[in-house]
Amino acid sequence: MTFPINQHQNYHAHFYFDQSSSDYAAKIREEIHQTLGLFVGRFNQRLVGPHTQWSFEIDFDREQFDKAIDWLDNARQGHSVLVHAVTEDDYRDHTEYVYWLGEPIALDLTLFSVD
């Protein structure tokens, strides 16, 4: 597993959780917003997009990258976190420009067109 490398302008991280860990995930979601001032997306207690587990999104850019990755890696407590670039190519963002904190989770890539 390769630790995330800051080589793009913008990023998303997706914090994965399930019913048994939803309280912890909700707490982490709020802390990320309060502590780091980052945008956090909806608290998805259903499958959304290519994600095959419940998740919420965190948005950050290259200047916020190191702090966001370090914070997430220390706070995730065994949860898997997908980190990917945000470019104009969703397929590559979720295949080539992807890193994991923790164990990788299978993604449903059929939603994306391959250019």
PDB file of N, CA and C in Angstrom:
ATOM      1  N   MET A   1       0.850  -1.184   0.000  1.00  0.00           N
ATOM      2  CA  MET A   1       0.000   0.000   0.000  1.00  0.00           C
ATOM      3  C   MET A   1       0.892   1.242   0.000  1.00  0.00           C
ATOM      4  N   THR A   2       0.569   2.180  -0.866  1.00  0.00           N
ATOM      5  CA  THR A   2       1.332   3.412  -1.009  1.00  0.00           C
ATOM      6  C   THR A   2       0.656   4.532  -0.245  1.00  0.00           C
ATOM      7  N   PHE A   3       1.433   5.221   0.572  1.00  0.00           N
ATOM      8  CA  PHE A   3       0.890   6.368   1.301  1.00  0.00           C
ATOM      9  C   PHE A   3       0.600   7.486   0.303  1.00  0.00           C
ATOM     10  N   PRO A   4      -0.450   8.268   0.492  1.00  0.00           N
ATOM     11  CA  PRO A   4      -0.829   9.312  -0.463  1.00  0.00           C
ATOM     12  C   PRO A   4       0.300  10.290  -0.771  1.00  0.00           C
ATOM     13  N   ILE A   5       0.393  10.639  -2.037  1.00  0.00           N
ATOM     14  CA  ILE A   5       1.386  11.595  -2.527  1.00  0.00           C
ATOM     15  C   ILE A   5       0.641  12.812  -3.061  1.00  0.00           C
ATOM     16  N   ASN A   6       1.096  13.985  -2.690  1.00  0.00           N
ATOM     17  CA  ASN A   6       0.465  15.237  -3.078  1.00  0.00           C
ATOM     18  C   ASN A   6       0.960  15.650  -4.461  1.00  0.00           C
ATOM     19  N   GLN A   7       0.209  15.244  -5.500  1.00  0.00           N
ATOM     20  CA  GLN A   7       0.637  15.571  -6.860  1.00  0.00           C
ATOM     21  C   GLN A   7      -0.475  16.188  -7.721  1.00  0.00           C
ATOM     22  N   HIS A   8      -1.591  16.546  -7.103  1.00  0.00           N
ATOM     23  CA  HIS A   8      -2.705  17.157  -7.818  1.00  0.00           C
ATOM     24  C   HIS A   8      -3.142  18.417  -7.069  1.00  0.00           C
ATOM     25  N   GLN A   9      -4.020  19.186  -7.680  1.00  0.00           N
ATOM     26  CA  GLN A   9      -4.479  20.436  -7.062  1.00  0.00           C
ATOM     27  C   GLN A   9      -5.579  20.199  -6.030  1.00  0.00           C
ATOM     28  N   ASN A  10      -6.525  19.292  -6.343  1.00  0.00           N
ATOM     29  CA  ASN A  10      -7.676  19.076  -5.470  1.00  0.00           C
ATOM     30  C   ASN A  10      -7.887  17.597  -5.181  1.00  0.00           C
ATOM     31  N   TYR A  11      -8.484  17.330  -4.007  1.00  0.00           N
ATOM     32  CA  TYR A  11      -8.678  15.955  -3.548  1.00  0.00           C
ATOM     33  C   TYR A  11     -10.018  15.787  -2.856  1.00  0.00           C
ATOM     34  N   HIS A  12     -10.474  14.535  -2.867  1.00  0.00           N
ATOM     35  CA  HIS A  12     -11.556  14.080  -2.009  1.00  0.00           C
ATOM     36  C   HIS A  12     -11.010  12.936  -1.171  1.00  0.00           C
ATOM     37  N   ALA A  13     -11.504  12.835   0.039  1.00  0.00           N
ATOM     38  CA  ALA A  13     -11.306  11.640   0.853  1.00  0.00           C
ATOM     39  C   ALA A  13     -12.706  11.135   1.187  1.00  0.00           C
ATOM     40  N   HIS A  14     -12.853   9.829   1.237  1.00  0.00           N
ATOM     41  CA  HIS A  14     -14.132   9.215   1.598  1.00  0.00           C
ATOM     42  C   HIS A  14     -13.885   8.310   2.794  1.00  0.00           C
ATOM     43  N   PHE A  15     -14.520   8.645   3.891  1.00  0.00           N
ATOM     44  CA  PHE A  15     -14.395   7.913   5.152  1.00  0.00           C
ATOM     45  C   PHE A  15     -15.516   6.882   5.174  1.00  0.00           C
ATOM     46  N   TYR A  16     -15.157   5.595   5.242  1.00  0.00           N
ATOM     47  CA  TYR A  16     -16.143   4.517   5.189  1.00  0.00           C
ATOM     48  C   TYR A  16     -16.503   4.033   6.594  1.00  0.00           C
ATOM     49  N   PHE A  17     -17.789   3.705   6.754  1.00  0.00           N
ATOM     50  CA  PHE A  17     -18.279   3.236   8.050  1.00  0.00           C
ATOM     51  C   PHE A  17     -19.494   2.352   7.827  1.00  0.00           C
ATOM     52  N   ASP A  18     -19.976   1.741   8.894  1.00  0.00           N
ATOM     53  CA  ASP A  18     -21.195   0.936   8.822  1.00  0.00           C
ATOM     54  C   ASP A  18     -22.077   1.291  10.015  1.00  0.00           C
ATOM     55  N   GLN A  19     -23.146   0.558  10.189  1.00  0.00           N
ATOM     56  CA  GLN A  19     -24.092   0.884  11.254  1.00  0.00           C
ATOM     57  C   GLN A  19     -23.434   0.856  12.627  1.00  0.00           C
ATOM     58  N   SER A  20     -22.554  -0.114  12.841  1.00  0.00           N
ATOM     59  CA  SER A  20     -21.927  -0.248  14.159  1.00  0.00           C
ATOM     60  C   SER A  20     -20.922   0.868  14.456  1.00  0.00           C
ATOM     61  N   SER A  21     -20.426   1.532  13.426  1.00  0.00           N
ATOM     62  CA  SER A  21     -19.448   2.600  13.654  1.00  0.00           C
ATOM     63  C   SER A  21     -19.963   3.973  13.243  1.00  0.00           C
ATOM     64  N   SER A  22     -21.274   4.100  13.021  1.00  0.00           N
ATOM     65  CA  SER A  22     -21.813   5.372  12.538  1.00  0.00           C
ATOM     66  C   SER A  22     -21.683   6.497  13.570  1.00  0.00           C
ATOM     67  N   ASP A  23     -21.786   6.192  14.849  1.00  0.00           N
ATOM     68  CA  ASP A  23     -21.621   7.238  15.863  1.00  0.00           C
ATOM     69  C   ASP A  23     -20.200   7.803  15.827  1.00  0.00           C
ATOM     70  N   TYR A  24     -19.210   6.921  15.721  1.00  0.00           N
ATOM     71  CA  TYR A  24     -17.822   7.381  15.638  1.00  0.00           C
ATOM     72  C   TYR A  24     -17.597   8.189  14.356  1.00  0.00           C
ATOM     73  N   ALA A  25     -18.129   7.699  13.249  1.00  0.00           N
ATOM     74  CA  ALA A  25     -17.969   8.398  11.972  1.00  0.00           C
ATOM     75  C   ALA A  25     -18.594   9.792  12.034  1.00  0.00           C
ATOM     76  N   ALA A  26     -19.751   9.912  12.662  1.00  0.00           N
ATOM     77  CA  ALA A  26     -20.403  11.218  12.797  1.00  0.00           C
ATOM     78  C   ALA A  26     -19.538  12.174  13.623  1.00  0.00           C
ATOM     79  N   LYS A  27     -18.925  11.645  14.667  1.00  0.00           N
ATOM     80  CA  LYS A  27     -18.038  12.450  15.513  1.00  0.00           C
ATOM     81  C   LYS A  27     -16.814  12.918  14.714  1.00  0.00           C
ATOM     82  N   ILE A  28     -16.207  12.008  13.960  1.00  0.00           N
ATOM     83  CA  ILE A  28     -15.037  12.347  13.134  1.00  0.00           C
ATOM     84  C   ILE A  28     -15.416  13.380  12.076  1.00  0.00           C
ATOM     85  N   ARG A  29     -16.570  13.206  11.463  1.00  0.00           N
ATOM     86  CA  ARG A  29     -17.033  14.149  10.438  1.00  0.00           C
ATOM     87  C   ARG A  29     -17.111  15.564  11.007  1.00  0.00           C
ATOM     88  N   GLU A  30     -17.695  15.702  12.178  1.00  0.00           N
ATOM     89  CA  GLU A  30     -17.806  17.012  12.814  1.00  0.00           C
ATOM     90  C   GLU A  30     -16.433  17.560  13.199  1.00  0.00           C
ATOM     91  N   GLU A  31     -15.561  16.708  13.733  1.00  0.00           N
ATOM     92  CA  GLU A  31     -14.214  17.145  14.136  1.00  0.00           C
ATOM     93  C   GLU A  31     -13.394  17.618  12.947  1.00  0.00           C
ATOM     94  N   ILE A  32     -13.514  16.935  11.826  1.00  0.00           N
ATOM     95  CA  ILE A  32     -12.775  17.346  10.624  1.00  0.00           C
ATOM     96  C   ILE A  32     -13.188  18.761  10.237  1.00  0.00           C
ATOM     97  N   HIS A  33     -14.479  19.003  10.248  1.00  0.00           N
ATOM     98  CA  HIS A  33     -14.972  20.330   9.877  1.00  0.00           C
ATOM     99  C   HIS A  33     -14.527  21.380  10.898  1.00  0.00           C
ATOM    100  N   GLN A  34     -14.688  21.086  12.192  1.00  0.00           N
ATOM    101  CA  GLN A  34     -14.352  22.049  13.245  1.00  0.00           C
ATOM    102  C   GLN A  34     -12.847  22.270  13.379  1.00  0.00           C
ATOM    103  N   THR A  35     -12.073  21.192  13.373  1.00  0.00           N
ATOM    104  CA  THR A  35     -10.628  21.274  13.616  1.00  0.00           C
ATOM    105  C   THR A  35      -9.847  21.754  12.400  1.00  0.00           C
ATOM    106  N   LEU A  36     -10.168  21.200  11.227  1.00  0.00           N
ATOM    107  CA  LEU A  36      -9.402  21.534  10.028  1.00  0.00           C
ATOM    108  C   LEU A  36     -10.096  22.550   9.135  1.00  0.00           C
ATOM    109  N   GLY A  37     -11.364  22.824   9.399  1.00  0.00           N
ATOM    110  CA  GLY A  37     -12.093  23.780   8.578  1.00  0.00           C
ATOM    111  C   GLY A  37     -12.368  23.291   7.170  1.00  0.00           C
ATOM    112  N   LEU A  38     -12.363  21.972   6.969  1.00  0.00           N
ATOM    113  CA  LEU A  38     -12.582  21.420   5.639  1.00  0.00           C
ATOM    114  C   LEU A  38     -14.060  21.185   5.381  1.00  0.00           C
ATOM    115  N   PHE A  39     -14.440  21.266   4.103  1.00  0.00           N
ATOM    116  CA  PHE A  39     -15.802  20.940   3.723  1.00  0.00           C
ATOM    117  C   PHE A  39     -16.014  19.438   3.885  1.00  0.00           C
ATOM    118  N   VAL A  40     -17.117  19.057   4.510  1.00  0.00           N
ATOM    119  CA  VAL A  40     -17.496  17.648   4.595  1.00  0.00           C
ATOM    120  C   VAL A  40     -18.876  17.490   3.967  1.00  0.00           C
ATOM    121  N   GLY A  41     -19.019  16.428   3.201  1.00  0.00           N
ATOM    122  CA  GLY A  41     -20.273  16.174   2.508  1.00  0.00           C
ATOM    123  C   GLY A  41     -21.291  15.474   3.390  1.00  0.00           C
ATOM    124  N   ARG A  42     -22.360  15.068   2.761  1.00  0.00           N
ATOM    125  CA  ARG A  42     -23.452  14.393   3.463  1.00  0.00           C
ATOM    126  C   ARG A  42     -22.977  13.128   4.167  1.00  0.00           C
ATOM    127  N   PHE A  43     -23.664  12.809   5.232  1.00  0.00           N
ATOM    128  CA  PHE A  43     -23.413  11.598   6.014  1.00  0.00           C
ATOM    129  C   PHE A  43     -24.282  10.500   5.386  1.00  0.00           C
ATOM    130  N   ASN A  44     -23.712   9.759   4.448  1.00  0.00           N
ATOM    131  CA  ASN A  44     -24.465   8.809   3.636  1.00  0.00           C
ATOM    132  C   ASN A  44     -24.611   7.456   4.312  1.00  0.00           C
ATOM    133  N   GLN A  45     -25.783   7.204   4.849  1.00  0.00           N
ATOM    134  CA  GLN A  45     -26.079   5.905   5.443  1.00  0.00           C
ATOM    135  C   GLN A  45     -26.832   5.059   4.416  1.00  0.00           C
ATOM    136  N   ARG A  46     -26.319   5.106   3.211  1.00  0.00           N
ATOM    137  CA  ARG A  46     -26.769   4.318   2.072  1.00  0.00           C
ATOM    138  C   ARG A  46     -25.619   4.361   1.067  1.00  0.00           C
ATOM    139  N   LEU A  47     -25.701   3.543   0.038  1.00  0.00           N
ATOM    140  CA  LEU A  47     -24.635   3.528  -0.966  1.00  0.00           C
ATOM    141  C   LEU A  47     -24.838   4.684  -1.939  1.00  0.00           C
ATOM    142  N   VAL A  48     -23.759   5.411  -2.196  1.00  0.00           N
ATOM    143  CA  VAL A  48     -23.800   6.576  -3.066  1.00  0.00           C
ATOM    144  C   VAL A  48     -22.650   6.479  -4.061  1.00  0.00           C
ATOM    145  N   GLY A  49     -22.937   6.762  -5.328  1.00  0.00           N
ATOM    146  CA  GLY A  49     -21.892   6.759  -6.353  1.00  0.00           C
ATOM    147  C   GLY A  49     -21.187   5.424  -6.428  1.00  0.00           C
ATOM    148  N   PRO A  50     -19.859   5.454  -6.554  1.00  0.00           N
ATOM    149  CA  PRO A  50     -19.109   4.200  -6.690  1.00  0.00           C
ATOM    150  C   PRO A  50     -18.820   3.518  -5.353  1.00  0.00           C
ATOM    151  N   HIS A  51     -19.300   4.085  -4.269  1.00  0.00           N
ATOM    152  CA  HIS A  51     -18.948   3.607  -2.931  1.00  0.00           C
ATOM    153  C   HIS A  51     -19.841   2.442  -2.512  1.00  0.00           C
ATOM    154  N   THR A  52     -19.220   1.364  -2.104  1.00  0.00           N
ATOM    155  CA  THR A  52     -19.940   0.131  -1.764  1.00  0.00           C
ATOM    156  C   THR A  52     -20.124  -0.020  -0.259  1.00  0.00           C
ATOM    157  N   GLN A  53     -19.812   1.035   0.472  1.00  0.00           N
ATOM    158  CA  GLN A  53     -20.100   1.122   1.905  1.00  0.00           C
ATOM    159  C   GLN A  53     -20.598   2.529   2.201  1.00  0.00           C
ATOM    160  N   TRP A  54     -21.240   2.699   3.350  1.00  0.00           N
ATOM    161  CA  TRP A  54     -21.647   4.033   3.782  1.00  0.00           C
ATOM    162  C   TRP A  54     -20.399   4.907   3.871  1.00  0.00           C
ATOM    163  N   SER A  55     -20.569   6.204   3.638  1.00  0.00           N
ATOM    164  CA  SER A  55     -19.401   7.078   3.635  1.00  0.00           C
ATOM    165  C   SER A  55     -19.802   8.541   3.767  1.00  0.00           C
ATOM    166  N   PHE A  56     -18.791   9.351   4.011  1.00  0.00           N
ATOM    167  CA  PHE A  56     -18.933  10.794   3.843  1.00  0.00           C
ATOM    168  C   PHE A  56     -17.668  11.299   3.185  1.00  0.00           C
ATOM    169  N   GLU A  57     -17.797  12.419   2.500  1.00  0.00           N
ATOM    170  CA  GLU A  57     -16.706  12.984   1.708  1.00  0.00           C
ATOM    171  C   GLU A  57     -16.070  14.160   2.434  1.00  0.00           C
ATOM    172  N   ILE A  58     -14.759  14.299   2.238  1.00  0.00           N
ATOM    173  CA  ILE A  58     -14.002  15.437   2.749  1.00  0.00           C
ATOM    174  C   ILE A  58     -13.285  16.050   1.548  1.00  0.00           C
ATOM    175  N   ASP A  59     -13.397  17.357   1.369  1.00  0.00           N
ATOM    176  CA  ASP A  59     -12.753  18.050   0.253  1.00  0.00           C
ATOM    177  C   ASP A  59     -11.563  18.850   0.766  1.00  0.00           C
ATOM    178  N   PHE A  60     -10.455  18.776   0.041  1.00  0.00           N
ATOM    179  CA  PHE A  60      -9.288  19.583   0.391  1.00  0.00           C
ATOM    180  C   PHE A  60      -8.420  19.787  -0.836  1.00  0.00           C
ATOM    181  N   ASP A  61      -7.468  20.717  -0.721  1.00  0.00           N
ATOM    182  CA  ASP A  61      -6.595  21.000  -1.853  1.00  0.00           C
ATOM    183  C   ASP A  61      -5.142  20.690  -1.497  1.00  0.00           C
ATOM    184  N   ARG A  62      -4.272  20.963  -2.429  1.00  0.00           N
ATOM    185  CA  ARG A  62      -2.853  20.592  -2.263  1.00  0.00           C
ATOM    186  C   ARG A  62      -2.219  21.274  -1.048  1.00  0.00           C
ATOM    187  N   GLU A  63      -2.642  22.500  -0.714  1.00  0.00           N
ATOM    188  CA  GLU A  63      -2.084  23.190   0.454  1.00  0.00           C
ATOM    189  C   GLU A  63      -2.548  22.545   1.762  1.00  0.00           C
ATOM    190  N   GLN A  64      -3.718  21.953   1.770  1.00  0.00           N
ATOM    191  CA  GLN A  64      -4.286  21.322   2.966  1.00  0.00           C
ATOM    192  C   GLN A  64      -3.955  19.831   3.058  1.00  0.00           C
ATOM    193  N   PHE A  65      -3.348  19.294   2.011  1.00  0.00           N
ATOM    194  CA  PHE A  65      -3.143  17.853   1.853  1.00  0.00           C
ATOM    195  C   PHE A  65      -2.436  17.194   3.040  1.00  0.00           C
ATOM    196  N   ASP A  66      -1.235  17.650   3.366  1.00  0.00           N
ATOM    197  CA  ASP A  66      -0.446  16.982   4.411  1.00  0.00           C
ATOM    198  C   ASP A  66      -1.173  16.964   5.750  1.00  0.00           C
ATOM    199  N   LYS A  67      -1.738  18.093   6.122  1.00  0.00           N
ATOM    200  CA  LYS A  67      -2.446  18.169   7.399  1.00  0.00           C
ATOM    201  C   LYS A  67      -3.681  17.266   7.390  1.00  0.00           C
ATOM    202  N   ALA A  68      -4.427  17.268   6.281  1.00  0.00           N
ATOM    203  CA  ALA A  68      -5.640  16.444   6.188  1.00  0.00           C
ATOM    204  C   ALA A  68      -5.304  14.955   6.242  1.00  0.00           C
ATOM    205  N   ILE A  69      -4.288  14.531   5.500  1.00  0.00           N
ATOM    206  CA  ILE A  69      -3.915  13.110   5.465  1.00  0.00           C
ATOM    207  C   ILE A  69      -3.410  12.662   6.834  1.00  0.00           C
ATOM    208  N   ASP A  70      -2.538  13.437   7.443  1.00  0.00           N
ATOM    209  CA  ASP A  70      -2.026  13.074   8.772  1.00  0.00           C
ATOM    210  C   ASP A  70      -3.157  12.972   9.784  1.00  0.00           C
ATOM    211  N   TRP A  71      -4.049  13.954   9.775  1.00  0.00           N
ATOM    212  CA  TRP A  71      -5.162  13.958  10.721  1.00  0.00           C
ATOM    213  C   TRP A  71      -6.051  12.739  10.514  1.00  0.00           C
ATOM    214  N   LEU A  72      -6.425  12.483   9.265  1.00  0.00           N
ATOM    215  CA  LEU A  72      -7.291  11.337   8.966  1.00  0.00           C
ATOM    216  C   LEU A  72      -6.635  10.016   9.338  1.00  0.00           C
ATOM    217  N   ASP A  73      -5.353   9.871   9.023  1.00  0.00           N
ATOM    218  CA  ASP A  73      -4.667   8.617   9.325  1.00  0.00           C
ATOM    219  C   ASP A  73      -4.617   8.370  10.833  1.00  0.00           C
ATOM    220  N   ASN A  74      -4.433   9.416  11.607  1.00  0.00           N
ATOM    221  CA  ASN A  74      -4.393   9.272  13.066  1.00  0.00           C
ATOM    222  C   ASN A  74      -5.770   9.061  13.688  1.00  0.00           C
ATOM    223  N   ALA A  75      -6.814   9.584  13.052  1.00  0.00           N
ATOM    224  CA  ALA A  75      -8.151   9.544  13.643  1.00  0.00           C
ATOM    225  C   ALA A  75      -9.025   8.395  13.143  1.00  0.00           C
ATOM    226  N   ARG A  76      -8.631   7.693  12.113  1.00  0.00           N
ATOM    227  CA  ARG A  76      -9.535   6.747  11.456  1.00  0.00           C
ATOM    228  C   ARG A  76      -9.809   5.485  12.261  1.00  0.00           C
ATOM    229  N   GLN A  77      -8.961   5.133  13.207  1.00  0.00           N
ATOM    230  CA  GLN A  77      -9.164   3.988  14.103  1.00  0.00           C
ATOM    231  C   GLN A  77      -9.643   2.732  13.372  1.00  0.00           C
ATOM    232  N   GLY A  78      -8.881   2.322  12.369  1.00  0.00           N
ATOM    233  CA  GLY A  78      -9.181   1.088  11.646  1.00  0.00           C
ATOM    234  C   GLY A  78     -10.157   1.233  10.498  1.00  0.00           C
ATOM    235  N   HIS A  79     -10.770   2.400  10.358  1.00  0.00           N
ATOM    236  CA  HIS A  79     -11.678   2.618   9.227  1.00  0.00           C
ATOM    237  C   HIS A  79     -10.865   2.812   7.950  1.00  0.00           C
ATOM    238  N   SER A  80     -11.435   2.418   6.843  1.00  0.00           N
ATOM    239  CA  SER A  80     -10.809   2.640   5.538  1.00  0.00           C
ATOM    240  C   SER A  80     -11.171   4.030   5.044  1.00  0.00           C
ATOM    241  N   VAL A  81     -10.170   4.691   4.462  1.00  0.00           N
ATOM    242  CA  VAL A  81     -10.385   6.027   3.885  1.00  0.00           C
ATOM    243  C   VAL A  81      -9.798   6.024   2.482  1.00  0.00           C
ATOM    244  N   LEU A  82     -10.632   6.325   1.506  1.00  0.00           N
ATOM    245  CA  LEU A  82     -10.199   6.475   0.124  1.00  0.00           C
ATOM    246  C   LEU A  82      -9.769   7.920  -0.079  1.00  0.00           C
ATOM    247  N   VAL A  83      -8.587   8.132  -0.645  1.00  0.00           N
ATOM    248  CA  VAL A  83      -8.110   9.468  -1.000  1.00  0.00           C
ATOM    249  C   VAL A  83      -7.882   9.455  -2.503  1.00  0.00           C
ATOM    250  N   HIS A  84      -8.499  10.414  -3.208  1.00  0.00           N
ATOM    251  CA  HIS A  84      -8.284  10.453  -4.659  1.00  0.00           C
ATOM    252  C   HIS A  84      -8.235  11.889  -5.160  1.00  0.00           C
ATOM    253  N   ALA A  85      -7.552  12.048  -6.288  1.00  0.00           N
ATOM    254  CA  ALA A  85      -7.477  13.345  -6.948  1.00  0.00           C
ATOM    255  C   ALA A  85      -8.837  13.712  -7.509  1.00  0.00           C
ATOM    256  N   VAL A  86      -9.046  15.006  -7.688  1.00  0.00           N
ATOM    257  CA  VAL A  86     -10.242  15.501  -8.364  1.00  0.00           C
ATOM    258  C   VAL A  86      -9.753  16.212  -9.622  1.00  0.00           C
ATOM    259  N   THR A  87      -9.939  15.534 -10.749  1.00  0.00           N
ATOM    260  CA  THR A  87      -9.563  16.094 -12.052  1.00  0.00           C
ATOM    261  C   THR A  87     -10.830  16.078 -12.915  1.00  0.00           C
ATOM    262  N   GLU A  88     -10.674  16.179 -14.178  1.00  0.00           N
ATOM    263  CA  GLU A  88     -11.826  16.121 -15.087  1.00  0.00           C
ATOM    264  C   GLU A  88     -12.179  14.689 -15.481  1.00  0.00           C
ATOM    265  N   ASP A  89     -11.451  13.697 -14.939  1.00  0.00           N
ATOM    266  CA  ASP A  89     -11.626  12.304 -15.344  1.00  0.00           C
ATOM    267  C   ASP A  89     -11.973  11.437 -14.132  1.00  0.00           C
ATOM    268  N   ASP A  90     -13.279  11.217 -13.889  1.00  0.00           N
ATOM    269  CA  ASP A  90     -13.724  10.455 -12.720  1.00  0.00           C
ATOM    270  C   ASP A  90     -13.161   9.037 -12.690  1.00  0.00           C
ATOM    271  N   TYR A  91     -13.074   8.406 -13.861  1.00  0.00           N
ATOM    272  CA  TYR A  91     -12.558   7.033 -13.892  1.00  0.00           C
ATOM    273  C   TYR A  91     -11.105   6.988 -13.402  1.00  0.00           C
ATOM    274  N   ARG A  92     -10.258   7.829 -13.951  1.00  0.00           N
ATOM    275  CA  ARG A  92      -8.846   7.856 -13.525  1.00  0.00           C
ATOM    276  C   ARG A  92      -8.710   8.298 -12.073  1.00  0.00           C
ATOM    277  N   ASP A  93      -9.571   9.241 -11.648  1.00  0.00           N
ATOM    278  CA  ASP A  93      -9.535   9.701 -10.253  1.00  0.00           C
ATOM    279  C   ASP A  93      -9.760   8.539  -9.291  1.00  0.00           C
ATOM    280  N   HIS A  94     -10.590   7.573  -9.691  1.00  0.00           N
ATOM    281  CA  HIS A  94     -10.944   6.450  -8.811  1.00  0.00           C
ATOM    282  C   HIS A  94     -10.169   5.172  -9.103  1.00  0.00           C
ATOM    283  N   THR A  95      -9.214   5.245 -10.053  1.00  0.00           N
ATOM    284  CA  THR A  95      -8.390   4.065 -10.361  1.00  0.00           C
ATOM    285  C   THR A  95      -6.900   4.382 -10.273  1.00  0.00           C
ATOM    286  N   GLU A  96      -6.426   5.310 -11.082  1.00  0.00           N
ATOM    287  CA  GLU A  96      -5.001   5.642 -11.117  1.00  0.00           C
ATOM    288  C   GLU A  96      -4.575   6.624 -10.029  1.00  0.00           C
ATOM    289  N   TYR A  97      -5.442   7.573  -9.703  1.00  0.00           N
ATOM    290  CA  TYR A  97      -5.087   8.645  -8.761  1.00  0.00           C
ATOM    291  C   TYR A  97      -5.672   8.379  -7.378  1.00  0.00           C
ATOM    292  N   VAL A  98      -5.622   7.129  -6.951  1.00  0.00           N
ATOM    293  CA  VAL A  98      -6.264   6.726  -5.706  1.00  0.00           C
ATOM    294  C   VAL A  98      -5.233   6.196  -4.709  1.00  0.00           C
ATOM    295  N   TYR A  99      -5.472   6.510  -3.443  1.00  0.00           N
ATOM    296  CA  TYR A  99      -4.670   6.009  -2.328  1.00  0.00           C
ATOM    297  C   TYR A  99      -5.613   5.570  -1.232  1.00  0.00           C
ATOM    298  N   TRP A 100      -5.134   4.702  -0.386  1.00  0.00           N
ATOM    299  CA  TRP A 100      -5.948   4.200   0.728  1.00  0.00           C
ATOM    300  C   TRP A 100      -5.235   4.401   2.050  1.00  0.00           C
ATOM    301  N   LEU A 101      -5.991   4.820   3.032  1.00  0.00           N
ATOM    302  CA  LEU A 101      -5.571   4.757   4.425  1.00  0.00           C
ATOM    303  C   LEU A 101      -6.351   3.574   4.978  1.00  0.00           C
ATOM    304  N   GLY A 102      -5.685   2.516   5.339  1.00  0.00           N
ATOM    305  CA  GLY A 102      -6.366   1.300   5.769  1.00  0.00           C
ATOM    306  C   GLY A 102      -6.602   0.367   4.603  1.00  0.00           C
ATOM    307  N   GLU A 103      -7.490  -0.586   4.823  1.00  0.00           N
ATOM    308  CA  GLU A 103      -7.771  -1.603   3.818  1.00  0.00           C
ATOM    309  C   GLU A 103      -8.602  -1.030   2.669  1.00  0.00           C
ATOM    310  N   PRO A 104      -8.224  -1.348   1.433  1.00  0.00           N
ATOM    311  CA  PRO A 104      -9.033  -0.900   0.291  1.00  0.00           C
ATOM    312  C   PRO A 104     -10.438  -1.508   0.321  1.00  0.00           C
ATOM    313  N   ILE A 105     -11.388  -0.748  -0.166  1.00  0.00           N
ATOM    314  CA  ILE A 105     -12.783  -1.158  -0.306  1.00  0.00           C
ATOM    315  C   ILE A 105     -13.065  -1.238  -1.809  1.00  0.00           C
ATOM    316  N   ALA A 106     -13.748  -2.272  -2.242  1.00  0.00           N
ATOM    317  CA  ALA A 106     -14.099  -2.383  -3.659  1.00  0.00           C
ATOM    318  C   ALA A 106     -15.007  -1.222  -4.058  1.00  0.00           C
ATOM    319  N   LEU A 107     -14.739  -0.655  -5.218  1.00  0.00           N
ATOM    320  CA  LEU A 107     -15.571   0.428  -5.754  1.00  0.00           C
ATOM    321  C   LEU A 107     -16.349  -0.090  -6.963  1.00  0.00           C
ATOM    322  N   ASP A 108     -17.517   0.470  -7.191  1.00  0.00           N
ATOM    323  CA  ASP A 108     -18.319   0.133  -8.365  1.00  0.00           C
ATOM    324  C   ASP A 108     -17.961   1.131  -9.465  1.00  0.00           C
ATOM    325  N   LEU A 109     -17.030   0.750 -10.314  1.00  0.00           N
ATOM    326  CA  LEU A 109     -16.522   1.656 -11.354  1.00  0.00           C
ATOM    327  C   LEU A 109     -17.389   1.676 -12.607  1.00  0.00           C
ATOM    328  N   THR A 110     -18.457   0.893 -12.635  1.00  0.00           N
ATOM    329  CA  THR A 110     -19.312   0.845 -13.826  1.00  0.00           C
ATOM    330  C   THR A 110     -20.033   2.173 -14.064  1.00  0.00           C
ATOM    331  N   LEU A 111     -20.041   3.044 -13.086  1.00  0.00           N
ATOM    332  CA  LEU A 111     -20.691   4.348 -13.221  1.00  0.00           C
ATOM    333  C   LEU A 111     -19.905   5.302 -14.103  1.00  0.00           C
ATOM    334  N   PHE A 112     -18.618   5.024 -14.269  1.00  0.00           N
ATOM    335  CA  PHE A 112     -17.725   5.943 -14.973  1.00  0.00           C
ATOM    336  C   PHE A 112     -17.431   5.462 -16.384  1.00  0.00           C
ATOM    337  N   SER A 113     -17.358   6.403 -17.324  1.00  0.00           N
ATOM    338  CA  SER A 113     -16.958   6.035 -18.666  1.00  0.00           C
ATOM    339  C   SER A 113     -15.436   6.063 -18.753  1.00  0.00           C
ATOM    340  N   VAL A 114     -14.913   5.136 -19.538  1.00  0.00           N
ATOM    341  CA  VAL A 114     -13.469   5.048 -19.732  1.00  0.00           C
ATOM    342  C   VAL A 114     -13.156   5.777 -21.017  1.00  0.00           C
ATOM    343  N   ASP A 115     -12.342   6.822 -20.929  1.00  0.00           N
ATOM    344  CA  ASP A 115     -11.991   7.609 -22.128  1.00  0.00           C
ATOM    345  C   ASP A 115     -10.762   7.071 -22.799  1.00  0.00           C
TER     346      ASP A 115
END
